[in-house]
Amino acid sequence: MSHVMSRRPDESLARIPGPWTHRSVHAGNSMFHIAEAGDGPLVLLLHGFPQFWWTWRRQLVSLPEAGYRAVAVDLRGYGASDKPPRGYDLPAVAGNMAGLIRALGETCAVVVGHDWGGLVGWTMGAMDPKAVRRLVTVSAPHPLRLRQAMLTEPFGQLKASGHLFGYQLPLLPERRLTKNAAARVGELLDAWSGPEWPEEDVAATYRDVFRIPTVAHCALEYHRWFLRSQFRPDGRRYRKLMRTEMEMPTLQMHGSLDSCTLPRTAQGSSRYVAAPYRWRLIEGAGHFPHEERPEQFDAELLGWLADSEPDR
């Protein structure tokens, strides 16, 4: 076995240096690894799959420059955060993130969530609305809208969500994702993004961090809960909770070329928002607009945050 391959990836891989500070924060019953920068109103950044806090590296620079305190967190089970055996349902993760806002010394934050982080953001908005001052969801339809699209568009969103069904098997999906130095993670980033992204070193970083022991398993547990709960009482309770309309200003951003969550799936989410709502399609971007088109993404985000009465 070569020297390179024999080195077991560990959590230090997730503590990538940069113009931010790393620390661990206790919230609920877990420790969460965060990268933070800047002073001012808190903006909490929640990543998606198959990524970790580092997906927000550009925003950890642009937000502080604009006068915000940016905190990017590794969700439960990812990166250098705790990886307990359970607690990967959206209500549990949303509760932890509301707890993290309080642990950071704030009563509320602007919550920006991408992909699964966006589903967590929607859930926080329904479950703990006082903790969410404003909500920004990226490549993340409202969970009920996602479910509806999967049920009614077999050749649209259901097909695009095909990976979700493959992930229901035990053990095998974990092995598939991590074998050959997590080559599959690079393939997913490639498949879901627009052209010209990711660069090789970016994909390599995500692949490395995904090989930290149990990360792949924990990441898949989110997918398993989402599908399996549809047929259980906890899923019914969750759907009932999610019928609560959002009372905070909401910005929804989506890449026009997103093949993982289709733009038309996301677009139907506005019916769940009772507050000022803005929809922005980022042309030429796929599933990762904040990384694929960071200048355009940041201009939309910062412009909307600076607007004291967004779309009233």
Protein backbone atom coordinates (compact mmCIF):
# COMPACT_ATOMS: atom_id res chain seq x y z
CA MET A 1 0.00 0.00 0.00
CA SER A 2 1.47 3.33 -0.98
CA HIS A 3 2.37 5.86 1.70
CA VAL A 4 -0.20 8.35 0.37
CA MET A 5 -3.15 5.98 0.47
CA SER A 6 -2.27 4.52 3.87
CA ARG A 7 -2.74 7.85 5.61
CA ARG A 8 -6.19 7.75 7.11
CA PRO A 9 -8.00 11.03 6.52
CA ASP A 10 -8.85 12.74 9.81
CA GLU A 11 -10.75 15.82 10.95
CA SER A 12 -7.70 18.08 10.65
CA LEU A 13 -8.36 18.02 6.88
CA ALA A 14 -11.52 20.06 7.49
CA ARG A 15 -9.67 22.84 9.32
CA ILE A 16 -8.45 24.58 6.20
CA PRO A 17 -6.51 27.77 7.01
CA GLY A 18 -7.64 31.13 5.65
CA PRO A 19 -8.83 34.59 6.73
CA TRP A 20 -11.14 32.99 9.32
CA THR A 21 -10.91 31.44 12.76
CA HIS A 22 -11.69 27.82 13.54
CA ARG A 23 -13.32 26.73 16.76
CA SER A 24 -15.70 24.18 18.17
CA VAL A 25 -18.98 25.32 19.70
CA HIS A 26 -21.26 23.28 21.92
CA ALA A 27 -24.94 23.42 20.92
CA GLY A 28 -27.69 21.08 22.04
CA ASN A 29 -25.98 17.78 22.68
CA SER A 30 -23.24 18.13 20.07
CA MET A 31 -20.01 19.92 19.24
CA PHE A 32 -20.00 21.82 15.97
CA HIS A 33 -16.92 22.94 14.09
CA ILE A 34 -17.22 26.48 12.73
CA ALA A 35 -15.12 28.86 10.67
CA GLU A 36 -15.91 32.50 11.47
CA ALA A 37 -14.85 35.94 10.29
CA GLY A 38 -15.96 39.53 10.75
CA ASP A 39 -18.07 41.53 13.19
CA GLY A 40 -21.63 42.71 12.93
CA PRO A 41 -25.01 41.03 12.45
CA LEU A 42 -24.64 37.24 12.42
CA VAL A 43 -24.98 35.36 9.12
CA LEU A 44 -25.03 31.58 9.62
CA LEU A 45 -23.95 29.59 6.55
CA LEU A 46 -25.17 25.99 6.18
CA HIS A 47 -23.59 23.73 3.53
CA GLY A 48 -25.09 20.86 1.56
CA PHE A 49 -24.12 17.44 0.25
CA PRO A 50 -21.42 16.24 -0.47
CA GLN A 51 -19.59 19.26 0.93
CA PHE A 52 -18.65 20.94 4.24
CA TRP A 53 -18.24 24.47 5.63
CA TRP A 54 -15.53 25.32 3.05
CA THR A 55 -18.16 25.69 0.31
CA TRP A 56 -18.68 29.20 1.79
CA ARG A 57 -15.00 30.29 1.63
CA ARG A 58 -15.80 33.21 -0.74
CA GLN A 59 -18.68 34.43 1.44
CA LEU A 60 -16.44 34.23 4.53
CA VAL A 61 -14.53 37.07 2.84
CA SER A 62 -17.32 39.07 1.14
CA LEU A 63 -19.72 39.11 4.12
CA PRO A 64 -17.17 40.45 6.67
CA GLU A 65 -16.09 43.09 4.12
CA ALA A 66 -19.74 44.19 4.00
CA GLY A 67 -19.96 44.47 7.80
CA TYR A 68 -21.32 41.07 8.83
CA ARG A 69 -20.14 38.33 11.16
CA ALA A 70 -20.04 35.22 8.95
CA VAL A 71 -20.08 31.77 10.53
CA ALA A 72 -19.86 28.66 8.34
CA VAL A 73 -20.57 25.44 10.22
CA ASP A 74 -20.00 21.77 9.52
CA LEU A 75 -23.44 20.19 9.85
CA ARG A 76 -23.80 17.22 12.18
CA GLY A 77 -21.84 14.26 10.83
CA TYR A 78 -19.69 16.34 8.45
CA GLY A 79 -16.14 17.69 8.49
CA ALA A 80 -14.87 18.25 12.02
CA SER A 81 -18.28 18.33 13.77
CA ASP A 82 -19.58 15.50 15.98
CA LYS A 83 -20.71 12.33 14.22
CA PRO A 84 -23.22 10.67 16.57
CA PRO A 85 -25.13 7.55 15.46
CA ARG A 86 -28.46 9.39 15.15
CA GLY A 87 -30.07 12.81 14.88
CA TYR A 88 -30.00 13.28 11.10
CA ASP A 89 -33.65 14.22 10.75
CA LEU A 90 -34.32 17.81 9.66
CA PRO A 91 -36.11 18.85 12.89
CA ALA A 92 -33.17 17.67 15.04
CA VAL A 93 -30.58 19.40 12.86
CA ALA A 94 -32.68 22.59 12.67
CA GLY A 95 -33.01 22.58 16.47
CA ASN A 96 -29.23 22.26 16.80
CA MET A 97 -28.65 25.17 14.43
CA ALA A 98 -31.07 27.40 16.37
CA GLY A 99 -29.13 26.34 19.48
CA LEU A 100 -25.87 27.23 17.74
CA ILE A 101 -27.12 30.77 17.07
CA ARG A 102 -27.75 31.15 20.81
CA ALA A 103 -24.39 29.54 21.64
CA LEU A 104 -22.76 32.20 19.43
CA GLY A 105 -24.30 34.82 21.72
CA GLU A 106 -27.15 35.92 19.44
CA THR A 107 -30.92 35.54 19.60
CA CYS A 108 -31.29 35.40 15.82
CA ALA A 109 -29.31 35.31 12.60
CA VAL A 110 -29.63 35.60 8.87
CA VAL A 111 -29.63 31.92 7.85
CA VAL A 112 -28.16 31.06 4.45
CA GLY A 113 -28.52 27.40 3.47
CA HIS A 114 -27.45 25.50 0.37
CA ASP A 115 -28.96 22.15 -0.66
CA TRP A 116 -29.51 20.14 2.59
CA GLY A 117 -28.45 23.27 4.50
CA GLY A 118 -31.32 25.04 2.73
CA LEU A 119 -33.78 22.34 3.82
CA VAL A 120 -32.46 22.89 7.37
CA GLY A 121 -33.02 26.64 6.89
CA TRP A 122 -36.63 26.16 5.76
CA THR A 123 -37.18 23.87 8.76
CA MET A 124 -35.71 26.45 11.17
CA GLY A 125 -38.02 29.08 9.69
CA ALA A 126 -41.07 26.95 10.53
CA MET A 127 -39.84 25.50 13.84
CA ASP A 128 -38.00 28.40 15.45
CA PRO A 129 -38.99 31.54 13.51
CA LYS A 130 -37.62 33.89 16.19
CA ALA A 131 -34.12 32.54 15.52
CA VAL A 132 -34.25 33.36 11.81
CA ARG A 133 -34.12 37.09 11.07
CA ARG A 134 -33.99 36.49 7.33
CA LEU A 135 -33.81 33.32 5.29
CA VAL A 136 -31.76 32.65 2.16
CA THR A 137 -32.13 29.27 0.47
CA VAL A 138 -29.81 28.22 -2.34
CA SER A 139 -30.59 25.27 -4.65
CA ALA A 140 -33.11 24.20 -2.02
CA PRO A 141 -36.84 23.96 -2.72
CA HIS A 142 -39.19 24.12 0.27
CA PRO A 143 -39.35 20.51 1.58
CA LEU A 144 -43.07 20.17 0.82
CA ARG A 145 -42.57 21.55 -2.68
CA LEU A 146 -39.71 19.08 -3.23
CA ARG A 147 -41.94 16.21 -2.10
CA GLN A 148 -44.81 17.36 -4.32
CA ALA A 149 -42.54 17.67 -7.37
CA MET A 150 -41.13 14.19 -6.77
CA LEU A 151 -44.66 12.77 -6.57
CA THR A 152 -46.05 14.58 -9.62
CA GLU A 153 -43.08 14.76 -12.04
CA PRO A 154 -41.71 11.24 -12.57
CA PHE A 155 -39.50 12.36 -15.47
CA GLY A 156 -38.59 15.66 -13.83
CA GLN A 157 -37.67 16.00 -10.17
CA LEU A 158 -38.18 12.32 -9.33
CA LYS A 159 -35.63 11.34 -11.96
CA ALA A 160 -33.27 14.13 -10.84
CA SER A 161 -33.53 12.79 -7.27
CA GLY A 162 -32.69 9.25 -8.31
CA HIS A 163 -29.60 9.14 -6.09
CA LEU A 164 -31.90 9.49 -3.07
CA PHE A 165 -33.33 6.02 -3.74
CA GLY A 166 -29.93 4.41 -4.24
CA TYR A 167 -28.82 5.79 -0.87
CA GLN A 168 -31.51 3.81 0.99
CA LEU A 169 -29.50 0.59 0.83
CA PRO A 170 -27.34 -0.19 3.86
CA LEU A 171 -23.49 0.05 3.67
CA LEU A 172 -23.17 -0.20 -0.10
CA PRO A 173 -23.72 3.51 -0.88
CA GLU A 174 -21.09 4.48 1.74
CA ARG A 175 -18.58 2.19 0.04
CA ARG A 176 -19.44 3.52 -3.40
CA LEU A 177 -18.97 7.11 -2.28
CA THR A 178 -15.61 6.57 -0.58
CA LYS A 179 -13.84 4.04 -2.83
CA ASN A 180 -11.05 5.19 -5.18
CA ALA A 181 -10.32 8.17 -2.91
CA ALA A 182 -14.01 9.19 -3.01
CA ALA A 183 -14.00 9.52 -6.80
CA ARG A 184 -17.81 9.41 -6.73
CA VAL A 185 -17.91 12.70 -4.79
CA GLY A 186 -16.02 14.37 -7.63
CA GLU A 187 -18.43 12.82 -10.12
CA LEU A 188 -21.46 14.22 -8.26
CA LEU A 189 -19.94 17.71 -8.13
CA ASP A 190 -19.29 17.44 -11.87
CA ALA A 191 -22.73 16.09 -12.73
CA TRP A 192 -24.67 18.69 -10.74
CA SER A 193 -22.68 21.81 -11.62
CA GLY A 194 -22.63 23.94 -14.72
CA PRO A 195 -19.60 23.92 -17.06
CA GLU A 196 -16.09 24.93 -15.85
CA TRP A 197 -16.60 23.84 -12.25
CA PRO A 198 -15.20 22.31 -10.09
CA GLU A 199 -11.48 22.83 -10.64
CA GLU A 200 -9.46 19.74 -9.87
CA ASP A 201 -8.05 20.98 -6.56
CA VAL A 202 -11.50 22.01 -5.36
CA ALA A 203 -12.93 18.56 -6.12
CA ALA A 204 -9.90 16.97 -4.42
CA THR A 205 -10.60 18.93 -1.22
CA TYR A 206 -14.21 17.72 -1.09
CA ARG A 207 -13.12 14.17 -1.85
CA ASP A 208 -10.50 14.20 0.93
CA VAL A 209 -12.82 15.55 3.60
CA PHE A 210 -15.56 13.11 2.61
CA ARG A 211 -13.17 10.27 3.45
CA ILE A 212 -12.95 11.27 7.12
CA PRO A 213 -14.24 8.19 8.97
CA THR A 214 -18.08 7.95 9.17
CA VAL A 215 -18.70 11.19 7.22
CA ALA A 216 -20.13 9.27 4.25
CA HIS A 217 -22.42 7.28 6.54
CA CYS A 218 -23.68 10.36 8.40
CA ALA A 219 -24.24 12.29 5.15
CA LEU A 220 -26.34 9.44 3.79
CA GLU A 221 -28.42 9.27 6.98
CA TYR A 222 -30.00 12.65 6.04
CA HIS A 223 -31.16 11.12 2.75
CA ARG A 224 -32.39 7.97 4.47
CA TRP A 225 -34.46 9.91 6.99
CA PHE A 226 -35.99 12.11 4.28
CA LEU A 227 -37.30 9.21 2.24
CA ARG A 228 -38.17 6.73 5.00
CA SER A 229 -39.98 9.27 7.17
CA GLN A 230 -42.50 9.81 4.35
CA PHE A 231 -44.16 6.58 5.46
CA ARG A 232 -43.92 7.11 9.24
CA PRO A 233 -45.61 9.24 11.91
CA ASP A 234 -42.51 11.47 12.30
CA GLY A 235 -42.77 12.29 8.59
CA ARG A 236 -46.41 13.22 8.97
CA ARG A 237 -45.57 15.46 11.93
CA TYR A 238 -42.80 17.07 9.91
CA ARG A 239 -45.09 17.78 6.94
CA LYS A 240 -47.66 19.33 9.28
CA LEU A 241 -44.96 21.55 10.82
CA MET A 242 -43.76 22.61 7.37
CA ARG A 243 -47.19 23.91 6.39
CA THR A 244 -46.39 26.85 8.70
CA GLU A 245 -45.82 29.90 6.51
CA MET A 246 -42.48 31.69 6.72
CA GLU A 247 -42.78 35.00 8.51
CA MET A 248 -39.30 36.32 7.70
CA PRO A 249 -38.08 37.99 4.48
CA THR A 250 -36.89 35.20 2.19
CA LEU A 251 -34.49 35.19 -0.74
CA GLN A 252 -34.38 32.09 -2.89
CA MET A 253 -31.48 31.64 -5.32
CA HIS A 254 -31.07 28.90 -7.88
CA GLY A 255 -28.73 28.06 -10.74
CA SER A 256 -30.46 27.95 -14.13
CA LEU A 257 -28.58 24.73 -15.03
CA ASP A 258 -29.22 22.86 -11.78
CA SER A 259 -29.87 19.21 -12.69
CA CYS A 260 -30.12 17.99 -9.06
CA THR A 261 -32.95 20.21 -7.83
CA LEU A 262 -34.67 21.60 -10.89
CA PRO A 263 -35.33 25.36 -11.00
CA ARG A 264 -39.04 24.75 -11.60
CA THR A 265 -39.18 22.58 -8.47
CA ALA A 266 -37.70 25.38 -6.36
CA GLN A 267 -39.84 28.08 -7.93
CA GLY A 268 -43.06 26.76 -6.42
CA SER A 269 -41.75 27.45 -2.90
CA SER A 270 -43.05 31.02 -2.65
CA ARG A 271 -46.51 29.81 -1.58
CA TYR A 272 -44.99 28.88 1.79
CA VAL A 273 -43.70 32.41 2.41
CA ALA A 274 -46.03 35.05 3.91
CA ALA A 275 -43.26 37.67 4.17
CA PRO A 276 -41.44 39.63 1.43
CA TYR A 277 -40.02 37.09 -1.00
CA ARG A 278 -37.48 37.39 -3.79
CA TRP A 279 -36.58 34.76 -6.41
CA ARG A 280 -33.27 34.98 -8.27
CA LEU A 281 -32.14 32.67 -11.05
CA ILE A 282 -28.35 32.68 -11.54
CA GLU A 283 -27.74 32.13 -15.25
CA GLY A 284 -25.07 29.65 -16.27
CA ALA A 285 -24.73 28.14 -12.79
CA GLY A 286 -25.66 24.62 -11.78
CA HIS A 287 -26.32 23.30 -8.28
CA PHE A 288 -23.54 25.34 -6.60
CA PRO A 289 -24.15 28.99 -7.64
CA HIS A 290 -22.28 30.46 -4.65
CA GLU A 291 -19.13 28.67 -5.85
CA GLU A 292 -19.71 28.67 -9.60
CA ARG A 293 -20.74 32.35 -9.89
CA PRO A 294 -19.55 33.92 -6.61
CA GLU A 295 -19.51 37.55 -7.82
CA GLN A 296 -23.10 37.42 -9.04
CA PHE A 297 -24.22 35.42 -6.01
CA ASP A 298 -22.63 37.84 -3.55
CA ALA A 299 -24.04 40.87 -5.35
CA GLU A 300 -27.57 39.42 -5.04
CA LEU A 301 -27.08 38.37 -1.42
CA LEU A 302 -25.47 41.58 -0.18
CA GLY A 303 -27.89 43.80 -2.13
CA TRP A 304 -30.84 41.99 -0.56
CA LEU A 305 -29.35 42.06 2.94
CA ALA A 306 -28.72 45.81 2.66
CA ASP A 307 -32.32 46.44 1.58
CA SER A 308 -34.25 47.38 4.72
CA GLU A 309 -37.59 46.64 3.03
CA PRO A 310 -36.93 43.85 0.55
CA ASP A 311 -39.72 43.70 -2.04
CA ARG A 312 -42.42 45.26 0.10
